[in-house]
Protein backbone atom coordinates (compact mmCIF):
# COMPACT_ATOMS: atom_id res chain seq x y z
CA UNK A 1 0.00 0.00 0.00
CA UNK A 2 1.40 3.41 -0.92
CA UNK A 3 1.66 6.33 1.49
CA UNK A 4 -1.30 8.74 0.96
CA UNK A 5 1.02 11.70 1.66
CA UNK A 6 3.15 10.62 -1.30
CA UNK A 7 0.13 10.52 -3.62
CA UNK A 8 -1.16 14.01 -2.80
CA UNK A 9 2.25 15.74 -2.76
CA UNK A 10 2.45 16.27 1.01
CA UNK A 11 5.37 13.89 1.46
CA UNK A 12 8.69 15.13 -0.01
CA UNK A 13 6.95 18.10 -1.66
CA UNK A 14 8.41 20.00 -4.62
CA UNK A 15 7.40 23.29 -2.95
CA UNK A 16 5.90 24.47 0.35
CA UNK A 17 2.22 23.72 0.87
CA UNK A 18 -0.16 26.46 2.05
CA UNK A 19 -2.15 25.61 5.13
CA UNK A 20 -4.54 27.38 7.46
CA UNK A 21 -5.51 26.93 11.07
CA UNK A 22 -7.98 28.60 13.39
CA UNK A 23 -7.64 29.59 17.04
CA UNK A 24 -11.28 29.44 18.12
CA UNK A 25 -11.72 31.26 21.41
CA UNK A 26 -14.64 30.97 23.83
CA UNK A 27 -14.75 32.22 27.42
CA UNK A 28 -10.98 32.78 27.61
CA UNK A 29 -10.13 29.30 26.32
CA UNK A 30 -8.96 28.05 22.92
CA UNK A 31 -10.12 24.97 21.04
CA UNK A 32 -7.36 22.41 20.47
CA UNK A 33 -7.35 19.16 18.54
CA UNK A 34 -4.96 16.22 18.94
CA UNK A 35 -3.69 15.30 15.47
CA UNK A 36 -4.89 11.91 14.19
CA UNK A 37 -2.46 11.82 11.25
CA UNK A 38 1.28 12.09 10.71
CA UNK A 39 3.27 14.18 10.90
CA UNK A 40 3.01 14.74 14.66
CA UNK A 41 0.20 12.28 15.42
CA UNK A 42 -1.21 12.87 18.93
CA UNK A 43 0.26 16.36 19.26
CA UNK A 44 -2.12 19.16 20.27
CA UNK A 45 -2.67 21.90 17.71
CA UNK A 46 -5.30 24.13 16.15
CA UNK A 47 -7.86 22.68 13.75
CA UNK A 48 -6.71 23.29 10.19
CA UNK A 49 -5.45 21.90 6.92
CA UNK A 50 -4.55 22.78 3.36
CA UNK A 51 -6.15 25.60 1.40
CA UNK A 52 -8.05 24.50 -1.70
CA UNK A 53 -7.58 26.22 -5.07
CA UNK A 54 -9.80 29.29 -5.34
CA UNK A 55 -10.46 29.41 -1.59
CA UNK A 56 -9.55 32.38 0.60
CA UNK A 57 -7.38 31.73 3.65
CA UNK A 58 -10.21 32.60 6.08
CA UNK A 59 -12.75 30.46 4.21
CA UNK A 60 -10.30 27.55 4.23
CA UNK A 61 -9.75 27.92 7.97
CA UNK A 62 -13.50 27.86 8.67
CA UNK A 63 -14.04 24.90 6.32
CA UNK A 64 -11.25 22.94 8.00
CA UNK A 65 -12.70 23.74 11.44
CA UNK A 66 -16.08 22.36 10.44
CA UNK A 67 -14.61 19.28 8.72
CA UNK A 68 -12.21 18.48 11.56
CA UNK A 69 -14.32 19.07 14.67
CA UNK A 70 -17.79 20.15 13.45
CA UNK A 71 -17.80 23.64 15.03
CA UNK A 72 -18.73 26.99 13.52
CA UNK A 73 -16.84 30.21 14.25
CA UNK A 74 -16.40 33.79 13.05
CA UNK A 75 -12.92 34.90 11.94
CA UNK A 76 -11.73 38.15 13.53
CA UNK A 77 -9.45 40.19 11.25
CA UNK A 78 -6.84 39.01 8.74
CA UNK A 79 -4.61 35.98 9.27
CA UNK A 80 -2.07 36.04 12.09
CA UNK A 81 1.71 35.65 11.70
CA UNK A 82 2.38 32.56 9.56
CA UNK A 83 4.15 29.53 11.00
CA UNK A 84 6.56 27.54 8.86
CA UNK A 85 6.97 23.83 9.54
CA UNK A 86 9.85 22.02 7.83
CA UNK A 87 10.53 18.40 8.76
CA UNK A 88 13.47 16.49 7.30
CA UNK A 89 14.20 12.78 7.04
CA UNK A 90 17.39 11.07 8.27
CA UNK A 91 19.20 11.98 5.03
CA UNK A 92 18.28 15.66 5.39
CA UNK A 93 15.68 15.65 2.60
CA UNK A 94 12.59 17.78 3.13
CA UNK A 95 9.86 15.33 4.18
CA UNK A 96 7.20 17.99 4.91
CA UNK A 97 7.11 21.75 4.33
CA UNK A 98 4.02 23.73 5.32
CA UNK A 99 3.42 27.46 5.61
CA UNK A 100 0.44 27.76 7.96
CA UNK A 101 -1.67 30.93 8.07
CA UNK A 102 -3.47 30.91 11.44
CA UNK A 103 -6.61 32.91 12.15
CA UNK A 104 -8.24 34.17 15.35
CA UNK A 105 -11.94 33.40 15.63
CA UNK A 106 -14.83 33.46 18.06
CA UNK A 107 -16.82 30.27 18.61
CA UNK A 108 -20.39 30.61 17.35
CA UNK A 109 -22.10 27.19 17.36
CA UNK A 110 -21.86 23.42 17.63
CA UNK A 111 -19.79 21.80 20.37
CA UNK A 112 -16.58 20.37 18.91
CA UNK A 113 -16.14 16.62 18.60
CA UNK A 114 -13.25 14.55 17.23
CA UNK A 115 -13.55 13.73 13.53
CA UNK A 116 -11.37 11.60 11.25
CA UNK A 117 -8.46 14.07 11.56
CA UNK A 118 -8.66 14.60 15.35
CA UNK A 119 -8.03 12.01 18.06
CA UNK A 120 -9.47 14.32 20.73
CA UNK A 121 -10.58 17.90 21.26
CA UNK A 122 -10.45 20.17 24.29
CA UNK A 123 -10.84 23.76 25.40
CA UNK A 124 -7.69 25.05 27.15
CA UNK A 125 -6.36 28.21 28.74
CA UNK A 126 -2.94 29.51 27.72
CA UNK A 127 -1.51 28.19 31.00
CA UNK A 128 -2.87 24.70 30.26
CA UNK A 129 -1.49 24.77 26.70
CA UNK A 130 1.99 25.47 28.08
CA UNK A 131 1.93 22.00 29.71
CA UNK A 132 0.93 20.12 26.55
CA UNK A 133 2.95 18.69 23.67
CA UNK A 134 2.05 21.03 20.81
CA UNK A 135 3.02 21.84 17.25
CA UNK A 136 5.91 24.32 16.78
CA UNK A 137 5.04 27.96 17.41
CA UNK A 138 1.60 27.26 18.87
CA UNK A 139 2.01 29.31 22.06
CA UNK A 140 3.15 32.40 20.10
CA UNK A 141 0.21 32.00 17.70
CA UNK A 142 -2.21 31.69 20.62
CA UNK A 143 -0.84 34.81 22.33
CA UNK A 144 -1.38 36.72 19.09
CA UNK A 145 -4.89 35.26 18.67
CA UNK A 146 -5.95 36.17 22.22
CA UNK A 147 -4.55 39.69 21.68
CA UNK A 148 -6.53 40.03 18.43
CA UNK A 149 -9.74 38.93 20.14
CA UNK A 150 -9.15 41.35 23.07
CA UNK A 151 -8.47 44.23 20.64
CA UNK A 152 -11.63 43.44 18.68
CA UNK A 153 -13.67 43.32 21.89
CA UNK A 154 -12.16 46.62 23.08
CA UNK A 155 -12.97 48.18 19.69
CA UNK A 156 -16.56 46.92 19.84
CA UNK A 157 -17.04 48.28 23.35
CA UNK A 158 -15.53 51.63 22.35
CA UNK A 159 -17.64 51.72 19.19
CA UNK A 160 -20.80 51.01 21.23
CA UNK A 161 -19.98 53.78 23.72
CA UNK A 162 -19.29 56.26 20.90
CA UNK A 163 -22.55 55.31 19.19
CA UNK A 164 -24.44 55.76 22.44
CA UNK A 165 -22.82 59.18 23.03
CA UNK A 166 -23.71 60.26 19.48
CA UNK A 167 -27.29 59.09 19.98
CA UNK A 168 -27.57 61.16 23.19
CA UNK A 169 -26.14 64.32 21.54
C-alpha atoms as a PDB file:
ATOM      1  CA  UNK A   1       0.000   0.000   0.000  1.00  0.00           C
ATOM      2  CA  UNK A   2       1.403   3.413  -0.918  1.00  0.00           C
ATOM      3  CA  UNK A   3       1.660   6.335   1.491  1.00  0.00           C
ATOM      4  CA  UNK A   4      -1.296   8.742   0.964  1.00  0.00           C
ATOM      5  CA  UNK A   5       1.020  11.701   1.660  1.00  0.00           C
ATOM      6  CA  UNK A   6       3.152  10.622  -1.301  1.00  0.00           C
ATOM      7  CA  UNK A   7       0.131  10.522  -3.620  1.00  0.00           C
ATOM      8  CA  UNK A   8      -1.157  14.013  -2.804  1.00  0.00           C
ATOM      9  CA  UNK A   9       2.248  15.736  -2.762  1.00  0.00           C
ATOM     10  CA  UNK A  10       2.451  16.270   1.007  1.00  0.00           C
ATOM     11  CA  UNK A  11       5.374  13.893   1.458  1.00  0.00           C
ATOM     12  CA  UNK A  12       8.691  15.126  -0.010  1.00  0.00           C
ATOM     13  CA  UNK A  13       6.948  18.103  -1.661  1.00  0.00           C
ATOM     14  CA  UNK A  14       8.415  19.996  -4.616  1.00  0.00           C
ATOM     15  CA  UNK A  15       7.401  23.286  -2.950  1.00  0.00           C
ATOM     16  CA  UNK A  16       5.897  24.473   0.348  1.00  0.00           C
ATOM     17  CA  UNK A  17       2.215  23.720   0.868  1.00  0.00           C
ATOM     18  CA  UNK A  18      -0.163  26.460   2.050  1.00  0.00           C
ATOM     19  CA  UNK A  19      -2.151  25.608   5.132  1.00  0.00           C
ATOM     20  CA  UNK A  20      -4.544  27.377   7.463  1.00  0.00           C
ATOM     21  CA  UNK A  21      -5.510  26.925  11.070  1.00  0.00           C
ATOM     22  CA  UNK A  22      -7.977  28.595  13.387  1.00  0.00           C
ATOM     23  CA  UNK A  23      -7.638  29.592  17.043  1.00  0.00           C
ATOM     24  CA  UNK A  24     -11.282  29.440  18.117  1.00  0.00           C
ATOM     25  CA  UNK A  25     -11.724  31.257  21.412  1.00  0.00           C
ATOM     26  CA  UNK A  26     -14.637  30.972  23.831  1.00  0.00           C
ATOM     27  CA  UNK A  27     -14.749  32.215  27.424  1.00  0.00           C
ATOM     28  CA  UNK A  28     -10.983  32.776  27.614  1.00  0.00           C
ATOM     29  CA  UNK A  29     -10.126  29.298  26.324  1.00  0.00           C
ATOM     30  CA  UNK A  30      -8.961  28.055  22.923  1.00  0.00           C
ATOM     31  CA  UNK A  31     -10.120  24.974  21.043  1.00  0.00           C
ATOM     32  CA  UNK A  32      -7.361  22.409  20.468  1.00  0.00           C
ATOM     33  CA  UNK A  33      -7.355  19.156  18.539  1.00  0.00           C
ATOM     34  CA  UNK A  34      -4.957  16.224  18.938  1.00  0.00           C
ATOM     35  CA  UNK A  35      -3.689  15.296  15.468  1.00  0.00           C
ATOM     36  CA  UNK A  36      -4.891  11.909  14.194  1.00  0.00           C
ATOM     37  CA  UNK A  37      -2.462  11.817  11.250  1.00  0.00           C
ATOM     38  CA  UNK A  38       1.276  12.085  10.715  1.00  0.00           C
ATOM     39  CA  UNK A  39       3.270  14.179  10.897  1.00  0.00           C
ATOM     40  CA  UNK A  40       3.011  14.745  14.657  1.00  0.00           C
ATOM     41  CA  UNK A  41       0.197  12.283  15.422  1.00  0.00           C
ATOM     42  CA  UNK A  42      -1.205  12.867  18.929  1.00  0.00           C
ATOM     43  CA  UNK A  43       0.265  16.356  19.260  1.00  0.00           C
ATOM     44  CA  UNK A  44      -2.117  19.160  20.274  1.00  0.00           C
ATOM     45  CA  UNK A  45      -2.668  21.902  17.714  1.00  0.00           C
ATOM     46  CA  UNK A  46      -5.297  24.131  16.147  1.00  0.00           C
ATOM     47  CA  UNK A  47      -7.857  22.678  13.748  1.00  0.00           C
ATOM     48  CA  UNK A  48      -6.709  23.290  10.185  1.00  0.00           C
ATOM     49  CA  UNK A  49      -5.448  21.895   6.922  1.00  0.00           C
ATOM     50  CA  UNK A  50      -4.547  22.780   3.362  1.00  0.00           C
ATOM     51  CA  UNK A  51      -6.150  25.597   1.397  1.00  0.00           C
ATOM     52  CA  UNK A  52      -8.051  24.495  -1.699  1.00  0.00           C
ATOM     53  CA  UNK A  53      -7.584  26.219  -5.071  1.00  0.00           C
ATOM     54  CA  UNK A  54      -9.800  29.291  -5.340  1.00  0.00           C
ATOM     55  CA  UNK A  55     -10.464  29.409  -1.586  1.00  0.00           C
ATOM     56  CA  UNK A  56      -9.552  32.383   0.598  1.00  0.00           C
ATOM     57  CA  UNK A  57      -7.380  31.733   3.651  1.00  0.00           C
ATOM     58  CA  UNK A  58     -10.205  32.602   6.076  1.00  0.00           C
ATOM     59  CA  UNK A  59     -12.751  30.460   4.206  1.00  0.00           C
ATOM     60  CA  UNK A  60     -10.305  27.552   4.226  1.00  0.00           C
ATOM     61  CA  UNK A  61      -9.751  27.923   7.970  1.00  0.00           C
ATOM     62  CA  UNK A  62     -13.503  27.859   8.671  1.00  0.00           C
ATOM     63  CA  UNK A  63     -14.038  24.898   6.317  1.00  0.00           C
ATOM     64  CA  UNK A  64     -11.252  22.943   8.003  1.00  0.00           C
ATOM     65  CA  UNK A  65     -12.705  23.744  11.438  1.00  0.00           C
ATOM     66  CA  UNK A  66     -16.076  22.362  10.438  1.00  0.00           C
ATOM     67  CA  UNK A  67     -14.609  19.279   8.725  1.00  0.00           C
ATOM     68  CA  UNK A  68     -12.209  18.480  11.558  1.00  0.00           C
ATOM     69  CA  UNK A  69     -14.324  19.070  14.673  1.00  0.00           C
ATOM     70  CA  UNK A  70     -17.791  20.154  13.449  1.00  0.00           C
ATOM     71  CA  UNK A  71     -17.804  23.638  15.032  1.00  0.00           C
ATOM     72  CA  UNK A  72     -18.731  26.990  13.521  1.00  0.00           C
ATOM     73  CA  UNK A  73     -16.844  30.215  14.250  1.00  0.00           C
ATOM     74  CA  UNK A  74     -16.398  33.786  13.054  1.00  0.00           C
ATOM     75  CA  UNK A  75     -12.924  34.902  11.944  1.00  0.00           C
ATOM     76  CA  UNK A  76     -11.726  38.153  13.527  1.00  0.00           C
ATOM     77  CA  UNK A  77      -9.453  40.185  11.252  1.00  0.00           C
ATOM     78  CA  UNK A  78      -6.835  39.012   8.740  1.00  0.00           C
ATOM     79  CA  UNK A  79      -4.612  35.983   9.267  1.00  0.00           C
ATOM     80  CA  UNK A  80      -2.075  36.039  12.092  1.00  0.00           C
ATOM     81  CA  UNK A  81       1.709  35.655  11.704  1.00  0.00           C
ATOM     82  CA  UNK A  82       2.380  32.562   9.556  1.00  0.00           C
ATOM     83  CA  UNK A  83       4.152  29.535  10.996  1.00  0.00           C
ATOM     84  CA  UNK A  84       6.556  27.540   8.857  1.00  0.00           C
ATOM     85  CA  UNK A  85       6.973  23.827   9.539  1.00  0.00           C
ATOM     86  CA  UNK A  86       9.847  22.023   7.831  1.00  0.00           C
ATOM     87  CA  UNK A  87      10.529  18.405   8.758  1.00  0.00           C
ATOM     88  CA  UNK A  88      13.467  16.488   7.298  1.00  0.00           C
ATOM     89  CA  UNK A  89      14.205  12.777   7.037  1.00  0.00           C
ATOM     90  CA  UNK A  90      17.392  11.070   8.270  1.00  0.00           C
ATOM     91  CA  UNK A  91      19.195  11.979   5.033  1.00  0.00           C
ATOM     92  CA  UNK A  92      18.282  15.660   5.389  1.00  0.00           C
ATOM     93  CA  UNK A  93      15.678  15.645   2.598  1.00  0.00           C
ATOM     94  CA  UNK A  94      12.585  17.779   3.127  1.00  0.00           C
ATOM     95  CA  UNK A  95       9.864  15.328   4.177  1.00  0.00           C
ATOM     96  CA  UNK A  96       7.200  17.989   4.915  1.00  0.00           C
ATOM     97  CA  UNK A  97       7.111  21.751   4.327  1.00  0.00           C
ATOM     98  CA  UNK A  98       4.023  23.726   5.315  1.00  0.00           C
ATOM     99  CA  UNK A  99       3.416  27.459   5.608  1.00  0.00           C
ATOM    100  CA  UNK A 100       0.445  27.761   7.962  1.00  0.00           C
ATOM    101  CA  UNK A 101      -1.667  30.935   8.066  1.00  0.00           C
ATOM    102  CA  UNK A 102      -3.468  30.913  11.436  1.00  0.00           C
ATOM    103  CA  UNK A 103      -6.612  32.914  12.152  1.00  0.00           C
ATOM    104  CA  UNK A 104      -8.239  34.173  15.345  1.00  0.00           C
ATOM    105  CA  UNK A 105     -11.943  33.399  15.632  1.00  0.00           C
ATOM    106  CA  UNK A 106     -14.826  33.462  18.062  1.00  0.00           C
ATOM    107  CA  UNK A 107     -16.819  30.266  18.614  1.00  0.00           C
ATOM    108  CA  UNK A 108     -20.390  30.608  17.352  1.00  0.00           C
ATOM    109  CA  UNK A 109     -22.099  27.192  17.358  1.00  0.00           C
ATOM    110  CA  UNK A 110     -21.860  23.416  17.625  1.00  0.00           C
ATOM    111  CA  UNK A 111     -19.794  21.800  20.373  1.00  0.00           C
ATOM    112  CA  UNK A 112     -16.575  20.367  18.909  1.00  0.00           C
ATOM    113  CA  UNK A 113     -16.141  16.616  18.602  1.00  0.00           C
ATOM    114  CA  UNK A 114     -13.247  14.551  17.231  1.00  0.00           C
ATOM    115  CA  UNK A 115     -13.552  13.727  13.533  1.00  0.00           C
ATOM    116  CA  UNK A 116     -11.370  11.603  11.254  1.00  0.00           C
ATOM    117  CA  UNK A 117      -8.458  14.071  11.564  1.00  0.00           C
ATOM    118  CA  UNK A 118      -8.655  14.604  15.348  1.00  0.00           C
ATOM    119  CA  UNK A 119      -8.032  12.012  18.059  1.00  0.00           C
ATOM    120  CA  UNK A 120      -9.468  14.322  20.733  1.00  0.00           C
ATOM    121  CA  UNK A 121     -10.581  17.903  21.258  1.00  0.00           C
ATOM    122  CA  UNK A 122     -10.449  20.166  24.286  1.00  0.00           C
ATOM    123  CA  UNK A 123     -10.836  23.761  25.395  1.00  0.00           C
ATOM    124  CA  UNK A 124      -7.694  25.047  27.150  1.00  0.00           C
ATOM    125  CA  UNK A 125      -6.356  28.208  28.744  1.00  0.00           C
ATOM    126  CA  UNK A 126      -2.936  29.506  27.716  1.00  0.00           C
ATOM    127  CA  UNK A 127      -1.505  28.185  31.001  1.00  0.00           C
ATOM    128  CA  UNK A 128      -2.870  24.697  30.256  1.00  0.00           C
ATOM    129  CA  UNK A 129      -1.489  24.767  26.697  1.00  0.00           C
ATOM    130  CA  UNK A 130       1.994  25.469  28.084  1.00  0.00           C
ATOM    131  CA  UNK A 131       1.932  22.004  29.711  1.00  0.00           C
ATOM    132  CA  UNK A 132       0.926  20.118  26.545  1.00  0.00           C
ATOM    133  CA  UNK A 133       2.946  18.686  23.669  1.00  0.00           C
ATOM    134  CA  UNK A 134       2.055  21.035  20.814  1.00  0.00           C
ATOM    135  CA  UNK A 135       3.019  21.839  17.249  1.00  0.00           C
ATOM    136  CA  UNK A 136       5.908  24.315  16.780  1.00  0.00           C
ATOM    137  CA  UNK A 137       5.044  27.959  17.410  1.00  0.00           C
ATOM    138  CA  UNK A 138       1.602  27.255  18.867  1.00  0.00           C
ATOM    139  CA  UNK A 139       2.011  29.310  22.061  1.00  0.00           C
ATOM    140  CA  UNK A 140       3.150  32.396  20.103  1.00  0.00           C
ATOM    141  CA  UNK A 141       0.213  31.998  17.702  1.00  0.00           C
ATOM    142  CA  UNK A 142      -2.215  31.690  20.619  1.00  0.00           C
ATOM    143  CA  UNK A 143      -0.845  34.807  22.327  1.00  0.00           C
ATOM    144  CA  UNK A 144      -1.381  36.719  19.090  1.00  0.00           C
ATOM    145  CA  UNK A 145      -4.892  35.257  18.670  1.00  0.00           C
ATOM    146  CA  UNK A 146      -5.949  36.175  22.219  1.00  0.00           C
ATOM    147  CA  UNK A 147      -4.552  39.689  21.685  1.00  0.00           C
ATOM    148  CA  UNK A 148      -6.526  40.029  18.425  1.00  0.00           C
ATOM    149  CA  UNK A 149      -9.737  38.928  20.141  1.00  0.00           C
ATOM    150  CA  UNK A 150      -9.151  41.355  23.070  1.00  0.00           C
ATOM    151  CA  UNK A 151      -8.473  44.225  20.638  1.00  0.00           C
ATOM    152  CA  UNK A 152     -11.634  43.439  18.683  1.00  0.00           C
ATOM    153  CA  UNK A 153     -13.672  43.321  21.894  1.00  0.00           C
ATOM    154  CA  UNK A 154     -12.164  46.623  23.077  1.00  0.00           C
ATOM    155  CA  UNK A 155     -12.971  48.179  19.693  1.00  0.00           C
ATOM    156  CA  UNK A 156     -16.557  46.915  19.845  1.00  0.00           C
ATOM    157  CA  UNK A 157     -17.039  48.276  23.350  1.00  0.00           C
ATOM    158  CA  UNK A 158     -15.527  51.629  22.346  1.00  0.00           C
ATOM    159  CA  UNK A 159     -17.644  51.724  19.189  1.00  0.00           C
ATOM    160  CA  UNK A 160     -20.797  51.012  21.233  1.00  0.00           C
ATOM    161  CA  UNK A 161     -19.976  53.775  23.717  1.00  0.00           C
ATOM    162  CA  UNK A 162     -19.291  56.264  20.897  1.00  0.00           C
ATOM    163  CA  UNK A 163     -22.549  55.312  19.185  1.00  0.00           C
ATOM    164  CA  UNK A 164     -24.444  55.757  22.443  1.00  0.00           C
ATOM    165  CA  UNK A 165     -22.824  59.180  23.031  1.00  0.00           C
ATOM    166  CA  UNK A 166     -23.707  60.257  19.480  1.00  0.00           C
ATOM    167  CA  UNK A 167     -27.287  59.091  19.985  1.00  0.00           C
ATOM    168  CA  UNK A 168     -27.567  61.157  23.185  1.00  0.00           C
ATOM    169  CA  UNK A 169     -26.143  64.317  21.536  1.00  0.00           C
END
